[in-house]
Amino acid sequence: MGIFSENCPEFYITELACISDSVTIVPISADAQFLDSERVTRIIEATGLSSICVSSKTGGFLLDLKTNGKISSLKNIIVFDDTNE
């Protein structure tokens, strides 16, 4: 399970849920200095992530990569918060 979000309560709740069910977590930093499409694509493809949790801040970025065909392994994008905010 990937987590691509800034620090927030949902990040830690997801992390604890994964740990309690022995699910491997792949955290991807959402800091602006690390928000590089090549870096994010490389991490997702190298780990074979099929599901990832995102915030509304990082969801659009990830959706652009998915619609442009750069991340083929990704099947599920779970958004933590309301995308209309």
N, C-alpha and C. Protein backbone atom coordinates (compact mmCIF):
# COMPACT_ATOMS: atom_id res chain seq x y z
N MET A 1 0.86 -1.17 0.00
CA MET A 1 0.00 0.00 0.00
C MET A 1 0.90 1.23 0.00
N GLY A 2 0.67 2.11 -0.95
CA GLY A 2 1.42 3.35 -0.98
C GLY A 2 0.67 4.44 -0.24
N ILE A 3 1.43 5.36 0.33
CA ILE A 3 0.85 6.55 0.96
C ILE A 3 1.59 7.75 0.40
N PHE A 4 0.87 8.58 -0.35
CA PHE A 4 1.44 9.76 -0.99
C PHE A 4 0.65 10.97 -0.49
N SER A 5 1.09 11.50 0.64
CA SER A 5 0.34 12.56 1.31
C SER A 5 1.27 13.32 2.25
N GLU A 6 0.88 14.54 2.53
CA GLU A 6 1.56 15.28 3.59
C GLU A 6 1.15 14.67 4.93
N ASN A 7 1.86 15.03 5.99
CA ASN A 7 1.51 14.50 7.31
C ASN A 7 0.12 14.98 7.71
N CYS A 8 -0.73 14.02 8.07
CA CYS A 8 -2.09 14.32 8.51
C CYS A 8 -2.58 13.11 9.29
N PRO A 9 -3.66 13.25 10.04
CA PRO A 9 -4.16 12.10 10.83
C PRO A 9 -4.46 10.87 9.97
N GLU A 10 -5.00 11.08 8.77
CA GLU A 10 -5.34 9.96 7.89
C GLU A 10 -4.10 9.17 7.47
N PHE A 11 -2.98 9.85 7.32
CA PHE A 11 -1.72 9.19 6.99
C PHE A 11 -1.39 8.16 8.06
N TYR A 12 -1.46 8.58 9.31
CA TYR A 12 -1.09 7.70 10.42
C TYR A 12 -2.14 6.61 10.67
N ILE A 13 -3.39 6.92 10.45
CA ILE A 13 -4.45 5.91 10.59
C ILE A 13 -4.26 4.81 9.54
N THR A 14 -3.96 5.22 8.32
CA THR A 14 -3.71 4.25 7.25
C THR A 14 -2.48 3.41 7.56
N GLU A 15 -1.44 4.07 8.05
CA GLU A 15 -0.21 3.37 8.41
C GLU A 15 -0.47 2.32 9.49
N LEU A 16 -1.21 2.70 10.52
CA LEU A 16 -1.52 1.76 11.60
C LEU A 16 -2.39 0.60 11.12
N ALA A 17 -3.35 0.89 10.24
CA ALA A 17 -4.21 -0.16 9.70
C ALA A 17 -3.37 -1.16 8.88
N CYS A 18 -2.44 -0.66 8.09
CA CYS A 18 -1.58 -1.54 7.30
C CYS A 18 -0.69 -2.38 8.20
N ILE A 19 -0.12 -1.77 9.21
CA ILE A 19 0.75 -2.51 10.14
C ILE A 19 -0.03 -3.60 10.86
N SER A 20 -1.26 -3.30 11.27
CA SER A 20 -2.05 -4.28 12.00
C SER A 20 -2.44 -5.47 11.13
N ASP A 21 -2.42 -5.29 9.81
CA ASP A 21 -2.79 -6.37 8.90
C ASP A 21 -1.58 -6.91 8.12
N SER A 22 -0.37 -6.54 8.57
CA SER A 22 0.90 -6.97 7.97
C SER A 22 1.02 -6.60 6.49
N VAL A 23 0.54 -5.42 6.14
CA VAL A 23 0.63 -4.91 4.77
C VAL A 23 1.87 -4.02 4.68
N THR A 24 2.66 -4.25 3.64
CA THR A 24 3.86 -3.44 3.43
C THR A 24 3.46 -2.04 2.98
N ILE A 25 4.12 -1.03 3.57
CA ILE A 25 3.81 0.37 3.27
C ILE A 25 4.95 0.97 2.46
N VAL A 26 4.58 1.70 1.41
CA VAL A 26 5.56 2.44 0.61
C VAL A 26 5.20 3.92 0.74
N PRO A 27 5.89 4.64 1.63
CA PRO A 27 5.59 6.07 1.77
C PRO A 27 6.31 6.86 0.67
N ILE A 28 5.60 7.83 0.11
CA ILE A 28 6.17 8.72 -0.90
C ILE A 28 6.02 10.14 -0.39
N SER A 29 7.14 10.83 -0.25
CA SER A 29 7.11 12.19 0.30
C SER A 29 6.31 13.13 -0.60
N ALA A 30 5.49 13.96 0.02
CA ALA A 30 4.68 14.93 -0.72
C ALA A 30 5.23 16.34 -0.59
N ASP A 31 6.42 16.48 -0.02
CA ASP A 31 7.04 17.81 0.09
C ASP A 31 7.32 18.34 -1.31
N ALA A 32 7.15 19.64 -1.49
CA ALA A 32 7.33 20.27 -2.80
C ALA A 32 8.71 19.98 -3.39
N GLN A 33 9.73 19.90 -2.56
CA GLN A 33 11.08 19.66 -3.06
C GLN A 33 11.25 18.27 -3.65
N PHE A 34 10.36 17.34 -3.29
CA PHE A 34 10.44 15.97 -3.79
C PHE A 34 9.33 15.66 -4.80
N LEU A 35 8.48 16.62 -5.11
CA LEU A 35 7.34 16.39 -6.00
C LEU A 35 7.80 16.43 -7.45
N ASP A 36 8.39 15.34 -7.88
CA ASP A 36 8.96 15.21 -9.21
C ASP A 36 8.31 14.00 -9.88
N SER A 37 7.75 14.18 -11.06
CA SER A 37 7.01 13.09 -11.70
C SER A 37 7.88 11.87 -11.98
N GLU A 38 9.13 12.07 -12.37
CA GLU A 38 10.02 10.94 -12.62
C GLU A 38 10.29 10.15 -11.35
N ARG A 39 10.51 10.84 -10.25
CA ARG A 39 10.78 10.19 -8.97
C ARG A 39 9.58 9.38 -8.50
N VAL A 40 8.41 10.00 -8.54
CA VAL A 40 7.19 9.32 -8.09
C VAL A 40 6.89 8.12 -8.98
N THR A 41 7.02 8.30 -10.29
CA THR A 41 6.78 7.20 -11.23
C THR A 41 7.75 6.05 -10.97
N ARG A 42 9.01 6.36 -10.76
CA ARG A 42 10.02 5.33 -10.52
C ARG A 42 9.71 4.53 -9.26
N ILE A 43 9.30 5.21 -8.20
CA ILE A 43 8.97 4.52 -6.94
C ILE A 43 7.77 3.59 -7.13
N ILE A 44 6.73 4.09 -7.76
CA ILE A 44 5.51 3.30 -7.94
C ILE A 44 5.77 2.09 -8.84
N GLU A 45 6.46 2.29 -9.93
CA GLU A 45 6.73 1.18 -10.86
C GLU A 45 7.72 0.18 -10.27
N ALA A 46 8.75 0.65 -9.57
CA ALA A 46 9.75 -0.25 -9.00
C ALA A 46 9.16 -1.14 -7.91
N THR A 47 8.20 -0.62 -7.17
CA THR A 47 7.60 -1.40 -6.08
C THR A 47 6.36 -2.17 -6.55
N GLY A 48 5.87 -1.88 -7.74
CA GLY A 48 4.69 -2.57 -8.26
C GLY A 48 3.42 -2.23 -7.50
N LEU A 49 3.34 -1.02 -6.98
CA LEU A 49 2.15 -0.62 -6.22
C LEU A 49 0.88 -0.75 -7.06
N SER A 50 -0.14 -1.33 -6.48
CA SER A 50 -1.43 -1.40 -7.17
C SER A 50 -2.45 -0.49 -6.49
N SER A 51 -2.19 -0.12 -5.23
CA SER A 51 -3.10 0.77 -4.48
C SER A 51 -2.30 1.84 -3.76
N ILE A 52 -2.86 3.03 -3.73
CA ILE A 52 -2.18 4.14 -3.06
C ILE A 52 -3.21 5.07 -2.44
N CYS A 53 -2.90 5.58 -1.25
CA CYS A 53 -3.73 6.56 -0.57
C CYS A 53 -3.11 7.94 -0.78
N VAL A 54 -3.94 8.91 -1.12
CA VAL A 54 -3.45 10.25 -1.41
C VAL A 54 -4.32 11.29 -0.71
N SER A 55 -3.78 12.50 -0.61
CA SER A 55 -4.58 13.62 -0.14
C SER A 55 -5.10 14.36 -1.37
N SER A 56 -5.98 15.32 -1.19
CA SER A 56 -6.46 16.09 -2.33
C SER A 56 -5.31 16.88 -2.97
N LYS A 57 -4.29 17.20 -2.17
CA LYS A 57 -3.12 17.93 -2.68
C LYS A 57 -2.31 17.09 -3.67
N THR A 58 -2.14 15.80 -3.39
CA THR A 58 -1.31 14.94 -4.23
C THR A 58 -2.13 14.11 -5.22
N GLY A 59 -3.43 14.04 -5.02
CA GLY A 59 -4.28 13.22 -5.89
C GLY A 59 -4.28 13.66 -7.34
N GLY A 60 -4.37 14.95 -7.57
CA GLY A 60 -4.37 15.46 -8.94
C GLY A 60 -3.07 15.18 -9.66
N PHE A 61 -1.97 15.35 -8.94
CA PHE A 61 -0.63 15.07 -9.48
C PHE A 61 -0.54 13.61 -9.92
N LEU A 62 -1.00 12.72 -9.05
CA LEU A 62 -0.94 11.29 -9.34
C LEU A 62 -1.90 10.90 -10.47
N LEU A 63 -3.07 11.50 -10.48
CA LEU A 63 -4.05 11.21 -11.53
C LEU A 63 -3.53 11.61 -12.91
N ASP A 64 -2.81 12.73 -12.98
CA ASP A 64 -2.18 13.15 -14.24
C ASP A 64 -1.19 12.10 -14.72
N LEU A 65 -0.38 11.56 -13.82
CA LEU A 65 0.58 10.53 -14.19
C LEU A 65 -0.13 9.27 -14.69
N LYS A 66 -1.22 8.91 -14.02
CA LYS A 66 -1.97 7.71 -14.39
C LYS A 66 -2.64 7.89 -15.75
N THR A 67 -3.27 9.02 -15.99
CA THR A 67 -3.97 9.23 -17.26
C THR A 67 -3.00 9.38 -18.43
N ASN A 68 -1.77 9.79 -18.14
CA ASN A 68 -0.75 9.88 -19.20
C ASN A 68 -0.03 8.55 -19.42
N GLY A 69 -0.45 7.50 -18.72
CA GLY A 69 0.09 6.17 -18.92
C GLY A 69 1.47 5.94 -18.34
N LYS A 70 1.88 6.79 -17.39
CA LYS A 70 3.22 6.66 -16.83
C LYS A 70 3.30 5.65 -15.69
N ILE A 71 2.17 5.32 -15.07
CA ILE A 71 2.16 4.36 -13.97
C ILE A 71 1.13 3.27 -14.24
N SER A 72 1.58 2.24 -14.91
CA SER A 72 0.67 1.17 -15.34
C SER A 72 0.27 0.22 -14.22
N SER A 73 1.11 0.07 -13.20
CA SER A 73 0.81 -0.90 -12.13
C SER A 73 -0.32 -0.43 -11.21
N LEU A 74 -0.56 0.87 -11.15
CA LEU A 74 -1.52 1.44 -10.20
C LEU A 74 -2.96 1.19 -10.65
N LYS A 75 -3.74 0.56 -9.78
CA LYS A 75 -5.15 0.24 -10.08
C LYS A 75 -6.13 1.01 -9.21
N ASN A 76 -5.74 1.32 -7.95
CA ASN A 76 -6.65 1.97 -6.99
C ASN A 76 -6.02 3.23 -6.42
N ILE A 77 -6.76 4.33 -6.48
CA ILE A 77 -6.34 5.58 -5.84
C ILE A 77 -7.40 5.93 -4.81
N ILE A 78 -6.99 5.96 -3.55
CA ILE A 78 -7.91 6.24 -2.44
C ILE A 78 -7.59 7.63 -1.91
N VAL A 79 -8.59 8.53 -1.95
CA VAL A 79 -8.39 9.92 -1.54
C VAL A 79 -8.85 10.09 -0.09
N PHE A 80 -7.96 10.64 0.74
CA PHE A 80 -8.25 10.83 2.16
C PHE A 80 -9.36 11.83 2.44
N ASP A 81 -9.36 12.93 1.70
CA ASP A 81 -10.27 14.02 2.05
C ASP A 81 -11.11 14.45 0.85
N ASP A 82 -11.97 15.42 1.07
CA ASP A 82 -12.88 15.92 0.05
C ASP A 82 -12.08 16.63 -1.03
N THR A 83 -12.27 16.23 -2.26
CA THR A 83 -11.54 16.84 -3.38
C THR A 83 -12.13 18.16 -3.84
N ASN A 84 -13.27 18.56 -3.29
CA ASN A 84 -13.92 19.80 -3.70
C ASN A 84 -13.47 21.01 -2.89
N GLU A 85 -12.61 20.77 -1.92
CA GLU A 85 -12.17 21.88 -1.06
C GLU A 85 -11.13 22.72 -1.74
